[in-house]
Amino acid sequence: MNDPYYWQEQAVPSQAVEHPQATTVLLLGVLSVFCCGALGPVAWVLGKRAMDQIEASQGALGGRTQVLVGYILGVVGTILMALIGILFFLMVLGGNADGNA
């Protein structure tokens, strides 16, 4: 403890390895919102699993921010897909109610 540089050695953070699916979850989440809503549940499930693994690693795995953003976008994409499906269903029902069928 008599080393004057002891505090500097402790201040250097260790580098965490990025979770192998962090970029995948982020990409799936973005695609679920902007392109294909069916990818939303996939991003949601993979994101939850990756978040659990990152938390369990106690700092050995990184990429938490990417996974969290992908997870949230997956939830949003799933909700948008459901709303668009309901809207489509209502439009089909409304089209048949006019007597045109």
N, C-alpha and C. Protein backbone atom coordinates (compact mmCIF):
# COMPACT_ATOMS: atom_id res chain seq x y z
N MET A 1 0.81 -1.19 0.00
CA MET A 1 0.00 0.00 0.00
C MET A 1 0.85 1.26 0.00
N ASN A 2 2.14 1.14 0.15
CA ASN A 2 3.02 2.30 0.15
C ASN A 2 3.33 2.76 -1.27
N ASP A 3 2.83 2.05 -2.26
CA ASP A 3 3.05 2.41 -3.66
C ASP A 3 2.22 3.66 -3.99
N PRO A 4 2.87 4.76 -4.43
CA PRO A 4 2.10 5.97 -4.72
C PRO A 4 1.22 5.85 -5.96
N TYR A 5 1.44 4.84 -6.80
CA TYR A 5 0.65 4.66 -8.01
C TYR A 5 -0.41 3.57 -7.86
N TYR A 6 -0.66 3.15 -6.63
CA TYR A 6 -1.63 2.09 -6.37
C TYR A 6 -3.02 2.48 -6.88
N TRP A 7 -3.44 3.69 -6.64
CA TRP A 7 -4.78 4.12 -7.07
C TRP A 7 -4.91 4.15 -8.59
N GLN A 8 -3.84 4.45 -9.31
CA GLN A 8 -3.90 4.48 -10.76
C GLN A 8 -4.10 3.09 -11.33
N GLU A 9 -3.50 2.09 -10.72
CA GLU A 9 -3.68 0.72 -11.19
C GLU A 9 -5.12 0.26 -10.99
N GLN A 10 -5.74 0.71 -9.93
CA GLN A 10 -7.11 0.32 -9.64
C GLN A 10 -8.12 1.08 -10.51
N ALA A 11 -7.75 2.24 -11.01
CA ALA A 11 -8.67 3.07 -11.78
C ALA A 11 -8.82 2.60 -13.22
N VAL A 12 -7.94 1.75 -13.70
CA VAL A 12 -8.02 1.28 -15.08
C VAL A 12 -9.08 0.20 -15.18
N PRO A 13 -10.15 0.46 -15.95
CA PRO A 13 -11.20 -0.56 -16.06
C PRO A 13 -10.77 -1.70 -16.97
N SER A 14 -11.27 -2.88 -16.68
CA SER A 14 -10.97 -4.02 -17.55
C SER A 14 -11.90 -3.97 -18.76
N GLN A 15 -11.43 -4.45 -19.87
CA GLN A 15 -12.21 -4.43 -21.09
C GLN A 15 -13.16 -5.64 -21.11
N ALA A 16 -14.45 -5.36 -21.24
CA ALA A 16 -15.43 -6.43 -21.33
C ALA A 16 -15.58 -6.83 -22.80
N VAL A 17 -15.77 -8.09 -23.03
CA VAL A 17 -15.99 -8.61 -24.38
C VAL A 17 -17.46 -8.38 -24.73
N GLU A 18 -17.71 -7.87 -25.93
CA GLU A 18 -19.08 -7.62 -26.35
C GLU A 18 -19.83 -8.94 -26.52
N HIS A 19 -21.09 -8.94 -26.07
CA HIS A 19 -21.92 -10.14 -26.21
C HIS A 19 -22.03 -10.49 -27.69
N PRO A 20 -21.91 -11.78 -28.04
CA PRO A 20 -21.90 -12.18 -29.45
C PRO A 20 -23.18 -11.82 -30.21
N GLN A 21 -24.30 -11.65 -29.51
CA GLN A 21 -25.55 -11.35 -30.20
C GLN A 21 -25.98 -9.90 -30.06
N ALA A 22 -25.13 -9.03 -29.54
CA ALA A 22 -25.51 -7.64 -29.31
C ALA A 22 -25.87 -6.94 -30.61
N THR A 23 -25.05 -7.07 -31.62
CA THR A 23 -25.32 -6.42 -32.90
C THR A 23 -26.52 -7.05 -33.60
N THR A 24 -26.68 -8.34 -33.47
CA THR A 24 -27.81 -9.03 -34.09
C THR A 24 -29.13 -8.55 -33.50
N VAL A 25 -29.18 -8.43 -32.17
CA VAL A 25 -30.40 -7.98 -31.51
C VAL A 25 -30.73 -6.55 -31.94
N LEU A 26 -29.71 -5.69 -32.01
CA LEU A 26 -29.93 -4.32 -32.44
C LEU A 26 -30.45 -4.27 -33.87
N LEU A 27 -29.85 -5.03 -34.76
CA LEU A 27 -30.28 -5.05 -36.16
C LEU A 27 -31.71 -5.57 -36.30
N LEU A 28 -32.03 -6.64 -35.59
CA LEU A 28 -33.39 -7.19 -35.65
C LEU A 28 -34.41 -6.19 -35.11
N GLY A 29 -34.05 -5.49 -34.04
CA GLY A 29 -34.95 -4.49 -33.48
C GLY A 29 -35.21 -3.35 -34.44
N VAL A 30 -34.17 -2.85 -35.09
CA VAL A 30 -34.33 -1.77 -36.07
C VAL A 30 -35.16 -2.23 -37.25
N LEU A 31 -34.88 -3.41 -37.76
CA LEU A 31 -35.64 -3.93 -38.89
C LEU A 31 -37.11 -4.17 -38.53
N SER A 32 -37.38 -4.54 -37.29
CA SER A 32 -38.76 -4.79 -36.88
C SER A 32 -39.59 -3.51 -36.89
N VAL A 33 -38.96 -2.39 -36.61
CA VAL A 33 -39.69 -1.13 -36.61
C VAL A 33 -39.84 -0.57 -38.02
N PHE A 34 -38.79 -0.62 -38.82
CA PHE A 34 -38.79 0.06 -40.10
C PHE A 34 -39.15 -0.82 -41.29
N CYS A 35 -39.10 -2.13 -41.15
CA CYS A 35 -39.24 -2.97 -42.33
C CYS A 35 -40.20 -4.13 -42.11
N CYS A 36 -39.88 -4.99 -41.18
CA CYS A 36 -40.61 -6.25 -41.02
C CYS A 36 -40.97 -6.46 -39.55
N GLY A 37 -42.21 -6.20 -39.21
CA GLY A 37 -42.66 -6.30 -37.83
C GLY A 37 -42.55 -7.70 -37.25
N ALA A 38 -42.52 -8.72 -38.11
CA ALA A 38 -42.44 -10.10 -37.63
C ALA A 38 -41.10 -10.38 -36.95
N LEU A 39 -40.10 -9.52 -37.19
CA LEU A 39 -38.81 -9.70 -36.52
C LEU A 39 -38.82 -9.15 -35.09
N GLY A 40 -39.86 -8.43 -34.73
CA GLY A 40 -39.97 -7.85 -33.39
C GLY A 40 -39.92 -8.88 -32.27
N PRO A 41 -40.76 -9.91 -32.33
CA PRO A 41 -40.70 -10.91 -31.27
C PRO A 41 -39.36 -11.63 -31.19
N VAL A 42 -38.70 -11.79 -32.34
CA VAL A 42 -37.38 -12.44 -32.35
C VAL A 42 -36.37 -11.56 -31.61
N ALA A 43 -36.38 -10.25 -31.92
CA ALA A 43 -35.49 -9.33 -31.24
C ALA A 43 -35.82 -9.26 -29.76
N TRP A 44 -37.09 -9.34 -29.43
CA TRP A 44 -37.55 -9.28 -28.05
C TRP A 44 -37.00 -10.48 -27.26
N VAL A 45 -37.15 -11.66 -27.79
CA VAL A 45 -36.71 -12.88 -27.10
C VAL A 45 -35.18 -12.95 -27.02
N LEU A 46 -34.51 -12.71 -28.15
CA LEU A 46 -33.04 -12.75 -28.14
C LEU A 46 -32.47 -11.66 -27.24
N GLY A 47 -33.10 -10.49 -27.24
CA GLY A 47 -32.64 -9.39 -26.39
C GLY A 47 -32.78 -9.71 -24.92
N LYS A 48 -33.88 -10.32 -24.54
CA LYS A 48 -34.08 -10.70 -23.13
C LYS A 48 -33.04 -11.73 -22.70
N ARG A 49 -32.81 -12.70 -23.55
CA ARG A 49 -31.83 -13.74 -23.23
C ARG A 49 -30.42 -13.15 -23.11
N ALA A 50 -30.07 -12.26 -24.05
CA ALA A 50 -28.74 -11.63 -24.01
C ALA A 50 -28.59 -10.73 -22.79
N MET A 51 -29.65 -10.00 -22.43
CA MET A 51 -29.59 -9.14 -21.23
C MET A 51 -29.36 -9.98 -19.98
N ASP A 52 -30.05 -11.11 -19.88
CA ASP A 52 -29.86 -11.99 -18.74
C ASP A 52 -28.43 -12.52 -18.67
N GLN A 53 -27.88 -12.87 -19.82
CA GLN A 53 -26.51 -13.38 -19.86
C GLN A 53 -25.49 -12.29 -19.50
N ILE A 54 -25.74 -11.06 -19.96
CA ILE A 54 -24.84 -9.95 -19.63
C ILE A 54 -24.88 -9.66 -18.14
N GLU A 55 -26.07 -9.65 -17.57
CA GLU A 55 -26.20 -9.41 -16.13
C GLU A 55 -25.53 -10.52 -15.32
N ALA A 56 -25.67 -11.76 -15.76
CA ALA A 56 -25.09 -12.89 -15.03
C ALA A 56 -23.57 -12.93 -15.14
N SER A 57 -23.00 -12.30 -16.18
CA SER A 57 -21.55 -12.35 -16.36
C SER A 57 -20.79 -11.42 -15.43
N GLN A 58 -21.48 -10.54 -14.74
CA GLN A 58 -20.88 -9.61 -13.77
C GLN A 58 -19.77 -8.78 -14.38
N GLY A 59 -20.02 -8.24 -15.57
CA GLY A 59 -19.07 -7.35 -16.20
C GLY A 59 -18.15 -7.99 -17.22
N ALA A 60 -18.18 -9.29 -17.36
CA ALA A 60 -17.32 -9.96 -18.34
C ALA A 60 -17.84 -9.75 -19.76
N LEU A 61 -19.15 -9.57 -19.91
CA LEU A 61 -19.75 -9.34 -21.22
C LEU A 61 -20.25 -7.91 -21.31
N GLY A 62 -19.98 -7.28 -22.45
CA GLY A 62 -20.44 -5.92 -22.69
C GLY A 62 -21.52 -5.91 -23.75
N GLY A 63 -21.81 -4.72 -24.27
CA GLY A 63 -22.84 -4.57 -25.31
C GLY A 63 -24.23 -4.41 -24.74
N ARG A 64 -24.32 -4.05 -23.46
CA ARG A 64 -25.62 -3.94 -22.81
C ARG A 64 -26.48 -2.87 -23.48
N THR A 65 -25.89 -1.75 -23.87
CA THR A 65 -26.66 -0.67 -24.49
C THR A 65 -27.24 -1.11 -25.83
N GLN A 66 -26.44 -1.78 -26.65
CA GLN A 66 -26.93 -2.27 -27.94
C GLN A 66 -28.08 -3.25 -27.74
N VAL A 67 -27.92 -4.15 -26.80
CA VAL A 67 -28.95 -5.16 -26.56
C VAL A 67 -30.22 -4.49 -26.04
N LEU A 68 -30.07 -3.52 -25.14
CA LEU A 68 -31.23 -2.85 -24.59
C LEU A 68 -32.00 -2.07 -25.66
N VAL A 69 -31.28 -1.38 -26.53
CA VAL A 69 -31.94 -0.64 -27.61
C VAL A 69 -32.64 -1.62 -28.56
N GLY A 70 -31.98 -2.70 -28.92
CA GLY A 70 -32.60 -3.70 -29.79
C GLY A 70 -33.81 -4.35 -29.15
N TYR A 71 -33.73 -4.60 -27.85
CA TYR A 71 -34.86 -5.19 -27.10
C TYR A 71 -36.06 -4.24 -27.13
N ILE A 72 -35.82 -2.97 -26.83
CA ILE A 72 -36.90 -1.98 -26.81
C ILE A 72 -37.50 -1.81 -28.20
N LEU A 73 -36.65 -1.74 -29.22
CA LEU A 73 -37.16 -1.63 -30.59
C LEU A 73 -37.94 -2.88 -30.99
N GLY A 74 -37.54 -4.05 -30.49
CA GLY A 74 -38.29 -5.27 -30.75
C GLY A 74 -39.67 -5.23 -30.14
N VAL A 75 -39.78 -4.69 -28.94
CA VAL A 75 -41.09 -4.53 -28.30
C VAL A 75 -41.94 -3.55 -29.09
N VAL A 76 -41.35 -2.42 -29.48
CA VAL A 76 -42.08 -1.41 -30.27
C VAL A 76 -42.51 -2.00 -31.62
N GLY A 77 -41.62 -2.74 -32.27
CA GLY A 77 -41.96 -3.37 -33.55
C GLY A 77 -43.09 -4.37 -33.42
N THR A 78 -43.09 -5.12 -32.31
CA THR A 78 -44.17 -6.08 -32.07
C THR A 78 -45.50 -5.37 -31.87
N ILE A 79 -45.48 -4.29 -31.10
CA ILE A 79 -46.71 -3.52 -30.87
C ILE A 79 -47.21 -2.91 -32.17
N LEU A 80 -46.30 -2.34 -32.96
CA LEU A 80 -46.71 -1.77 -34.25
C LEU A 80 -47.29 -2.84 -35.17
N MET A 81 -46.68 -4.03 -35.18
CA MET A 81 -47.19 -5.11 -36.01
C MET A 81 -48.61 -5.50 -35.58
N ALA A 82 -48.84 -5.56 -34.28
CA ALA A 82 -50.17 -5.91 -33.78
C ALA A 82 -51.19 -4.82 -34.13
N LEU A 83 -50.81 -3.55 -33.99
CA LEU A 83 -51.73 -2.46 -34.32
C LEU A 83 -52.06 -2.44 -35.81
N ILE A 84 -51.07 -2.66 -36.65
CA ILE A 84 -51.32 -2.70 -38.09
C ILE A 84 -52.20 -3.89 -38.45
N GLY A 85 -51.98 -5.03 -37.79
CA GLY A 85 -52.84 -6.20 -38.02
C GLY A 85 -54.27 -5.93 -37.62
N ILE A 86 -54.47 -5.28 -36.48
CA ILE A 86 -55.84 -4.95 -36.04
C ILE A 86 -56.48 -3.95 -37.01
N LEU A 87 -55.70 -2.95 -37.43
CA LEU A 87 -56.22 -1.97 -38.39
C LEU A 87 -56.61 -2.64 -39.71
N PHE A 88 -55.78 -3.53 -40.18
CA PHE A 88 -56.09 -4.26 -41.42
C PHE A 88 -57.36 -5.08 -41.26
N PHE A 89 -57.49 -5.77 -40.12
CA PHE A 89 -58.67 -6.58 -39.85
C PHE A 89 -59.93 -5.72 -39.82
N LEU A 90 -59.84 -4.54 -39.19
CA LEU A 90 -60.99 -3.64 -39.14
C LEU A 90 -61.34 -3.09 -40.52
N MET A 91 -60.33 -2.86 -41.34
CA MET A 91 -60.59 -2.39 -42.70
C MET A 91 -61.29 -3.47 -43.52
N VAL A 92 -60.90 -4.70 -43.33
CA VAL A 92 -61.55 -5.81 -44.04
C VAL A 92 -63.00 -5.94 -43.58
N LEU A 93 -63.22 -5.85 -42.29
CA LEU A 93 -64.59 -5.92 -41.78
C LEU A 93 -65.41 -4.73 -42.25
N GLY A 94 -64.81 -3.56 -42.26
CA GLY A 94 -65.53 -2.35 -42.73
C GLY A 94 -65.85 -2.42 -44.20
N GLY A 95 -65.02 -3.04 -44.98
CA GLY A 95 -65.27 -3.19 -46.42
C GLY A 95 -66.44 -4.10 -46.68
N ASN A 96 -66.61 -5.14 -45.86
CA ASN A 96 -67.70 -6.08 -46.04
C ASN A 96 -69.02 -5.53 -45.50
N ALA A 97 -68.96 -4.57 -44.59
CA ALA A 97 -70.19 -4.02 -44.00
C ALA A 97 -70.93 -3.11 -44.97
N ASP A 98 -70.31 -2.65 -46.02
CA ASP A 98 -70.94 -1.76 -46.99
C ASP A 98 -71.89 -2.50 -47.94
N GLY A 99 -71.84 -3.79 -47.92
CA GLY A 99 -72.68 -4.58 -48.81
C GLY A 99 -72.01 -4.83 -50.17
N ASN A 100 -70.74 -4.51 -50.30
CA ASN A 100 -70.02 -4.72 -51.56
C ASN A 100 -69.55 -6.16 -51.72
N ALA A 101 -69.65 -6.94 -50.70
CA ALA A 101 -69.11 -8.29 -50.76
C ALA A 101 -70.02 -9.23 -51.48
